Amino acid sequence: MSAKLCLWALIFFVTKDVHPNYAEANVAAPQNVMVTSVNMAAVVEWTSPHNPMRNVTYTARYILKNNVSSICVNTRELKCDAGRLPSIFGRYIFQVRAEDQGMFSKWVDTAIFKPNKHSIIGPPTVHLVIQSNTLDVHVQAPVMKVGNLAEIFSQMSYIIRHWTEGFEEEAVEKTVAETKEDYVKLSIKGLHFWSRYCAQALVIPKGYRNVKHFSTAVCVTNTSVLISCVIAAAILLFLAILAALLIYKVYRFLYPKTNLPELLKNLFVPSFWNAEATHHSAQQKEQHDKISAISEEHLYEELSEKSKISEDKDSGLSSVLGPIQEVEEDYKLLPLLRRLH
């Protein structure tokens, strides 16, 4: 019985890692894994041996003092920003692996990375100001991802290069050495009017060799204060004239010089329309004529009644002739009534 248990235990320990190794063997690992760092930031980059059409993802992490921290999980990009590292004085090992349909490649390690030793210090920021025929070069140390330059390094040196535009080969370099300040200023006198001056700077921490480039050149033109005021006044005057002309044109458009006829003017007055509506409503009455309608049958009945009345009355000749004349007049109206009918 004990022999059987030992056999099963041996099989378990031998085969427990077979599946992971099999899975790892089916996915090619990332290549050319490296860390690039500027101003204490860290970005892990790599190349892929896989077809871009495949749905391969990558996971990146770093190891610091036996602690593992994932920074990118299942990303399709070929780089990963580590963000803000916990310390710039640590020893980091970055690892990347590929994943495809539940199978993983082996972890690929970078070389040991020390931010305070391997990170590139970027160029500072340069700002130029001319006052009283003096060029002031203001230099600000670059911003670090973690901490600031004065805290990381005990001392720094600034190299400031300046020249007159068009004469770059005559550039002059001046050094502000061994300072702990993040900001320095250099004043340059003896300028020429209407000349354009340029400057750039480089910061070098003491004992640090991983510094690459000067900052981008910044230029400014030296103009006298009086001339600058005259130019500014001329520009303001031009803008004032332009604004006045625009206002005048708008006014003339809204209120033209040409007088409109009174009838057209009244069209734009609301009271005109109200008065017209009241006037028409007061006089607007229907005109009509009276029409009397007499039927032909009713006329015959009246004539017969009148004839009977005239026969019954036994009066003089004048009384007999009266109804007869009325009957004759009524009969004369018959043709007219028939035509109207």
Protein backbone atom coordinates (compact mmCIF):
# COMPACT_ATOMS: atom_id res chain seq x y z
CA MET A 1 0.00 0.00 0.00
CA SER A 2 2.80 2.38 0.88
CA ALA A 3 4.57 1.56 -2.38
CA LYS A 4 1.44 2.49 -4.34
CA LEU A 5 1.20 5.84 -2.53
CA CYS A 6 4.82 6.61 -3.25
CA LEU A 7 4.24 5.83 -6.92
CA TRP A 8 1.27 8.19 -7.12
CA ALA A 9 3.22 10.93 -5.36
CA LEU A 10 6.10 10.54 -7.81
CA ILE A 11 3.73 10.77 -10.79
CA PHE A 12 2.11 13.90 -9.32
CA PHE A 13 5.37 15.79 -8.78
CA VAL A 14 6.71 14.81 -12.19
CA THR A 15 3.60 15.81 -14.15
CA LYS A 16 2.32 18.84 -12.21
CA ASP A 17 4.30 21.33 -14.38
CA VAL A 18 3.83 19.54 -17.70
CA HIS A 19 0.86 21.66 -18.81
CA PRO A 20 2.46 25.08 -18.18
CA ASN A 21 5.65 24.04 -19.97
CA TYR A 22 3.61 22.72 -22.87
CA ALA A 23 1.63 25.96 -23.03
CA GLU A 24 4.73 28.09 -22.91
CA ALA A 25 6.39 26.11 -25.69
CA ASN A 26 3.58 26.96 -28.12
CA VAL A 27 3.86 30.79 -27.91
CA ALA A 28 6.96 32.64 -29.05
CA ALA A 29 8.40 35.02 -26.47
CA PRO A 30 8.78 38.79 -27.07
CA GLN A 31 12.12 39.94 -28.44
CA ASN A 32 14.44 42.91 -27.87
CA VAL A 33 12.91 43.75 -24.50
CA MET A 34 14.47 46.95 -23.15
CA VAL A 35 13.78 49.93 -20.89
CA THR A 36 13.96 53.56 -22.03
CA SER A 37 13.95 56.23 -19.36
CA VAL A 38 13.87 60.04 -19.51
CA ASN A 39 13.62 62.20 -16.39
CA MET A 40 13.14 59.18 -14.10
CA ALA A 41 10.24 57.74 -16.08
CA ALA A 42 10.39 54.17 -17.39
CA VAL A 43 8.89 52.69 -20.55
CA VAL A 44 9.35 49.02 -21.45
CA GLU A 45 9.50 48.28 -25.18
CA TRP A 46 9.78 45.06 -27.19
CA THR A 47 9.28 43.57 -30.62
CA SER A 48 6.86 40.81 -31.56
CA PRO A 49 7.76 37.65 -33.49
CA HIS A 50 4.08 37.00 -34.21
CA ASN A 51 1.91 37.79 -37.18
CA PRO A 52 0.16 41.16 -36.53
CA MET A 53 -3.16 39.53 -37.52
CA ARG A 54 -3.00 37.13 -34.58
CA ASN A 55 -4.73 38.11 -31.36
CA VAL A 56 -1.57 38.02 -29.24
CA THR A 57 -1.49 40.08 -26.04
CA TYR A 58 1.34 40.93 -23.67
CA THR A 59 1.79 41.32 -19.94
CA ALA A 60 4.59 43.40 -18.40
CA ARG A 61 5.72 43.58 -14.80
CA TYR A 62 8.73 44.52 -12.70
CA ILE A 63 10.48 42.94 -9.73
CA LEU A 64 11.75 45.16 -6.91
CA LYS A 65 13.17 43.57 -3.76
CA ASN A 66 11.44 40.26 -4.50
CA ASN A 67 8.11 42.07 -4.93
CA VAL A 68 6.35 41.59 -8.26
CA SER A 69 4.13 44.39 -9.63
CA SER A 70 2.16 44.14 -12.87
CA ILE A 71 2.11 47.34 -14.94
CA CYS A 72 0.37 46.23 -18.16
CA VAL A 73 -1.92 43.21 -18.54
CA ASN A 74 -3.21 41.78 -21.84
CA THR A 75 -2.12 44.77 -23.89
CA ARG A 76 -1.78 44.59 -27.67
CA GLU A 77 0.77 47.40 -27.80
CA LEU A 78 4.49 46.75 -27.98
CA LYS A 79 5.33 49.05 -25.10
CA CYS A 80 4.26 49.68 -21.53
CA ASP A 81 4.60 52.84 -19.44
CA ALA A 82 5.62 51.93 -15.92
CA GLY A 83 4.19 55.19 -14.60
CA ARG A 84 5.47 56.57 -11.31
CA LEU A 85 8.01 54.18 -9.84
CA PRO A 86 8.04 53.76 -6.06
CA SER A 87 11.71 54.74 -5.78
CA ILE A 88 14.43 56.13 -8.03
CA PHE A 89 17.18 54.40 -6.06
CA GLY A 90 15.89 50.85 -6.51
CA ARG A 91 17.08 47.97 -8.70
CA TYR A 92 14.33 47.01 -11.12
CA ILE A 93 14.04 43.99 -13.39
CA PHE A 94 11.26 44.30 -15.99
CA GLN A 95 9.68 41.18 -17.50
CA VAL A 96 7.40 40.70 -20.51
CA ARG A 97 5.58 37.62 -21.83
CA ALA A 98 3.14 36.88 -24.66
CA GLU A 99 -0.29 35.25 -24.40
CA ASP A 100 -2.39 33.64 -27.12
CA GLN A 101 -5.63 31.70 -26.55
CA GLY A 102 -4.82 30.80 -22.97
CA MET A 103 -1.22 29.80 -23.70
CA PHE A 104 1.77 31.80 -22.48
CA SER A 105 5.35 32.33 -23.51
CA LYS A 106 8.21 32.39 -21.07
CA TRP A 107 9.07 35.63 -19.25
CA VAL A 108 11.78 37.71 -20.90
CA ASP A 109 13.83 39.84 -18.50
CA THR A 110 15.53 43.18 -19.06
CA ALA A 111 18.86 44.14 -17.60
CA ILE A 112 18.86 45.61 -14.11
CA PHE A 113 17.51 49.16 -14.28
CA LYS A 114 18.49 51.88 -11.78
CA PRO A 115 16.61 55.15 -12.44
CA ASN A 116 19.16 57.38 -10.67
CA LYS A 117 21.94 55.88 -12.82
CA HIS A 118 20.38 54.95 -16.14
CA SER A 119 17.68 57.58 -16.73
CA ILE A 120 18.46 60.31 -19.24
CA ILE A 121 18.18 63.86 -17.91
CA GLY A 122 16.24 65.89 -20.45
CA PRO A 123 16.96 69.50 -21.44
CA PRO A 124 15.83 72.39 -19.22
CA THR A 125 13.30 75.06 -20.16
CA VAL A 126 14.73 78.37 -21.44
CA HIS A 127 12.95 81.74 -21.41
CA LEU A 128 14.43 85.02 -22.71
CA VAL A 129 13.60 88.56 -21.55
CA ILE A 130 15.20 91.82 -22.74
CA GLN A 131 15.09 94.77 -20.34
CA SER A 132 17.18 97.97 -20.46
CA ASN A 133 19.29 96.61 -23.31
CA THR A 134 20.14 93.50 -21.26
CA LEU A 135 19.29 89.92 -22.19
CA ASP A 136 18.16 87.81 -19.23
CA VAL A 137 18.33 84.06 -19.84
CA HIS A 138 16.03 82.19 -17.43
CA VAL A 139 16.73 78.45 -17.14
CA GLN A 140 14.41 76.04 -15.33
CA ALA A 141 15.48 72.46 -14.56
CA PRO A 142 13.40 69.70 -16.19
CA VAL A 143 10.50 68.18 -14.29
CA MET A 144 11.14 64.67 -13.02
CA LYS A 145 8.62 61.84 -13.03
CA VAL A 146 9.62 61.07 -9.45
CA GLY A 147 10.94 63.79 -7.12
CA ASN A 148 12.89 66.80 -8.39
CA LEU A 149 16.42 67.24 -9.64
CA ALA A 150 17.68 69.15 -6.59
CA GLU A 151 16.56 66.34 -4.28
CA ILE A 152 18.05 63.56 -6.38
CA PHE A 153 21.48 65.10 -6.94
CA SER A 154 23.58 67.07 -4.50
CA GLN A 155 24.80 69.62 -7.06
CA MET A 156 24.16 70.56 -10.68
CA SER A 157 25.83 72.62 -13.37
CA TYR A 158 24.10 74.58 -16.13
CA ILE A 159 25.75 75.27 -19.47
CA ILE A 160 24.14 78.23 -21.27
CA ARG A 161 24.96 78.89 -24.92
CA HIS A 162 23.98 82.18 -26.57
CA TRP A 163 24.63 83.85 -29.93
CA THR A 164 23.37 86.45 -32.39
CA GLU A 165 21.06 84.96 -34.99
CA GLY A 166 22.94 84.32 -38.20
CA PHE A 167 26.25 83.90 -36.37
CA GLU A 168 25.81 80.49 -34.75
CA GLU A 169 29.48 79.67 -35.24
CA GLU A 170 30.32 82.51 -32.82
CA ALA A 171 28.19 81.08 -30.01
CA VAL A 172 29.46 81.68 -26.48
CA GLU A 173 29.06 79.14 -23.68
CA LYS A 174 28.89 80.10 -20.03
CA THR A 175 28.65 77.72 -17.08
CA VAL A 176 26.77 78.17 -13.83
CA ALA A 177 28.57 75.54 -11.77
CA GLU A 178 27.76 73.60 -8.61
CA THR A 179 24.38 74.87 -7.56
CA LYS A 180 21.45 73.14 -5.89
CA GLU A 181 18.86 75.42 -7.46
CA ASP A 182 16.29 74.24 -9.98
CA TYR A 183 16.35 77.72 -11.52
CA VAL A 184 19.22 80.00 -12.65
CA LYS A 185 19.46 83.28 -14.55
CA LEU A 186 22.23 84.65 -16.74
CA SER A 187 22.33 88.34 -17.77
CA ILE A 188 24.04 89.41 -20.99
CA LYS A 189 24.71 93.11 -21.61
CA GLY A 190 25.95 95.14 -24.57
CA LEU A 191 23.17 94.26 -26.99
CA HIS A 192 22.58 95.91 -30.35
CA PHE A 193 19.21 97.29 -31.36
CA TRP A 194 17.23 95.30 -33.91
CA SER A 195 19.54 92.30 -33.43
CA ARG A 196 18.01 88.92 -32.72
CA TYR A 197 19.56 86.87 -29.93
CA CYS A 198 19.20 83.14 -29.29
CA ALA A 199 20.06 80.86 -26.37
CA GLN A 200 19.84 77.24 -25.27
CA ALA A 201 20.90 75.38 -22.13
CA LEU A 202 22.00 72.03 -20.74
CA VAL A 203 21.85 70.77 -17.14
CA ILE A 204 24.43 68.29 -15.83
CA PRO A 205 24.08 66.74 -12.35
CA LYS A 206 27.38 66.30 -10.56
CA GLY A 207 28.96 62.94 -11.33
CA TYR A 208 26.21 62.09 -13.84
CA ARG A 209 27.16 61.25 -17.40
CA ASN A 210 23.81 60.28 -18.89
CA VAL A 211 22.99 63.71 -20.37
CA LYS A 212 22.27 63.96 -24.08
CA HIS A 213 21.19 67.22 -25.68
CA PHE A 214 20.85 70.97 -25.31
CA SER A 215 17.38 72.45 -25.19
CA THR A 216 15.72 73.83 -28.31
CA ALA A 217 17.04 77.28 -29.23
CA VAL A 218 14.86 80.23 -28.18
CA CYS A 219 15.25 83.65 -29.86
CA VAL A 220 14.13 87.22 -29.15
CA THR A 221 14.58 90.57 -30.96
CA ASN A 222 16.09 93.58 -29.19
CA THR A 223 13.99 96.69 -29.87
CA SER A 224 14.18 100.00 -28.01
CA VAL A 225 11.39 100.90 -25.62
CA LEU A 226 10.55 104.12 -27.50
CA ILE A 227 10.30 102.37 -30.84
CA SER A 228 8.22 99.61 -29.30
CA CYS A 229 5.82 102.19 -27.85
CA VAL A 230 5.54 103.94 -31.23
CA ILE A 231 4.81 100.66 -32.98
CA ALA A 232 2.24 99.72 -30.36
CA ALA A 233 0.57 103.15 -30.64
CA ALA A 234 0.45 102.87 -34.43
CA ILE A 235 -1.17 99.45 -34.22
CA LEU A 236 -3.73 100.68 -31.69
CA LEU A 237 -4.53 103.71 -33.85
CA PHE A 238 -5.03 101.53 -36.90
CA LEU A 239 -7.34 99.22 -34.96
CA ALA A 240 -9.31 102.20 -33.61
CA ILE A 241 -9.79 103.64 -37.12
CA LEU A 242 -10.82 100.24 -38.43
CA ALA A 243 -13.36 99.84 -35.62
CA ALA A 244 -14.78 103.34 -36.21
CA LEU A 245 -15.12 102.66 -39.94
CA LEU A 246 -16.91 99.41 -39.26
CA ILE A 247 -19.31 101.07 -36.82
CA TYR A 248 -20.01 103.86 -39.35
CA LYS A 249 -20.81 101.36 -42.12
CA VAL A 250 -23.15 99.43 -39.85
CA TYR A 251 -24.91 102.67 -38.83
CA ARG A 252 -25.33 103.76 -42.46
CA PHE A 253 -26.68 100.37 -43.35
CA LEU A 254 -29.32 100.54 -40.64
CA TYR A 255 -30.09 104.26 -41.16
CA PRO A 256 -29.38 105.16 -44.82
CA LYS A 257 -29.30 108.79 -46.06
CA THR A 258 -31.95 108.18 -48.77
CA ASN A 259 -35.41 109.13 -47.46
CA LEU A 260 -38.07 106.54 -48.04
CA PRO A 261 -41.57 107.53 -49.17
CA GLU A 262 -44.04 108.09 -46.39
CA LEU A 263 -46.05 105.06 -47.47
CA LEU A 264 -43.01 102.78 -47.13
CA LYS A 265 -42.07 104.37 -43.83
CA ASN A 266 -45.54 103.69 -42.48
CA LEU A 267 -45.17 100.02 -43.38
CA PHE A 268 -42.50 99.68 -40.69
CA VAL A 269 -44.62 101.41 -38.02
CA PRO A 270 -46.83 98.96 -36.08
CA SER A 271 -49.41 101.66 -35.28
CA PHE A 272 -50.09 102.08 -39.01
CA TRP A 273 -51.29 98.51 -39.34
CA ASN A 274 -53.44 98.80 -36.20
CA ALA A 275 -55.11 101.99 -37.52
CA GLU A 276 -55.73 100.40 -40.92
CA ALA A 277 -57.31 97.36 -39.35
CA THR A 278 -59.60 99.52 -37.17
CA HIS A 279 -60.60 101.73 -40.13
CA HIS A 280 -61.51 98.81 -42.35
CA SER A 281 -63.38 96.97 -39.64
CA ALA A 282 -65.52 100.07 -38.90
CA GLN A 283 -66.47 100.73 -42.56
CA GLN A 284 -66.68 97.18 -43.73
CA LYS A 285 -70.46 96.67 -43.96
CA GLU A 286 -72.31 94.57 -46.49
CA GLN A 287 -74.17 96.49 -49.24
CA HIS A 288 -77.39 94.91 -50.55
CA ASP A 289 -80.66 95.65 -52.40
CA LYS A 290 -84.16 94.55 -51.44
CA ILE A 291 -85.70 91.89 -53.67
CA SER A 292 -89.39 91.00 -53.57
CA ALA A 293 -90.55 87.68 -55.00
CA ILE A 294 -94.17 87.20 -56.15
CA SER A 295 -95.43 83.86 -57.47
CA GLU A 296 -97.66 83.76 -60.54
CA GLU A 297 -100.39 81.67 -58.85
CA HIS A 298 -100.60 84.12 -55.97
CA LEU A 299 -101.05 86.94 -58.51
CA TYR A 300 -103.96 85.13 -60.24
CA GLU A 301 -105.67 84.59 -56.91
CA GLU A 302 -105.45 88.27 -56.03
CA LEU A 303 -106.80 89.27 -59.45
CA SER A 304 -109.78 86.92 -59.17
CA GLU A 305 -110.60 88.18 -55.69
CA LYS A 306 -110.49 91.77 -56.90
CA SER A 307 -112.82 90.97 -59.82
CA LYS A 308 -115.36 89.35 -57.52
CA ILE A 309 -115.30 92.28 -55.17
CA SER A 310 -115.84 94.67 -58.08
CA GLU A 311 -118.89 92.72 -59.33
CA ASP A 312 -120.61 92.55 -55.95
CA LYS A 313 -120.40 96.24 -55.31
CA ASP A 314 -123.26 98.18 -56.76
CA SER A 315 -121.85 101.62 -56.95
CA GLY A 316 -121.41 104.38 -59.48
CA LEU A 317 -119.31 104.37 -62.64
CA SER A 318 -116.30 105.69 -60.81
CA SER A 319 -116.47 102.94 -58.20
CA VAL A 320 -116.73 100.23 -60.92
CA LEU A 321 -113.87 101.59 -63.05
CA GLY A 322 -111.43 101.65 -60.12
CA PRO A 323 -111.08 97.88 -59.66
CA ILE A 324 -111.05 97.32 -63.42
CA GLN A 325 -108.09 99.67 -63.83
CA GLU A 326 -106.23 97.92 -61.02
CA VAL A 327 -106.83 94.54 -62.71
CA GLU A 328 -105.56 95.87 -66.01
CA GLU A 329 -102.39 97.17 -64.38
CA ASP A 330 -101.82 93.82 -62.70
CA TYR A 331 -102.22 92.00 -66.02
CA LYS A 332 -99.65 94.28 -67.57
CA LEU A 333 -97.13 93.02 -65.05
CA LEU A 334 -97.62 89.37 -66.05
CA PRO A 335 -95.22 89.36 -69.06
CA LEU A 336 -92.52 91.02 -66.95
CA LEU A 337 -92.92 88.46 -64.19
CA ARG A 338 -92.79 85.58 -66.70
CA ARG A 339 -89.51 86.93 -68.16
CA LEU A 340 -88.01 87.23 -64.71
CA HIS A 341 -89.14 83.73 -63.91
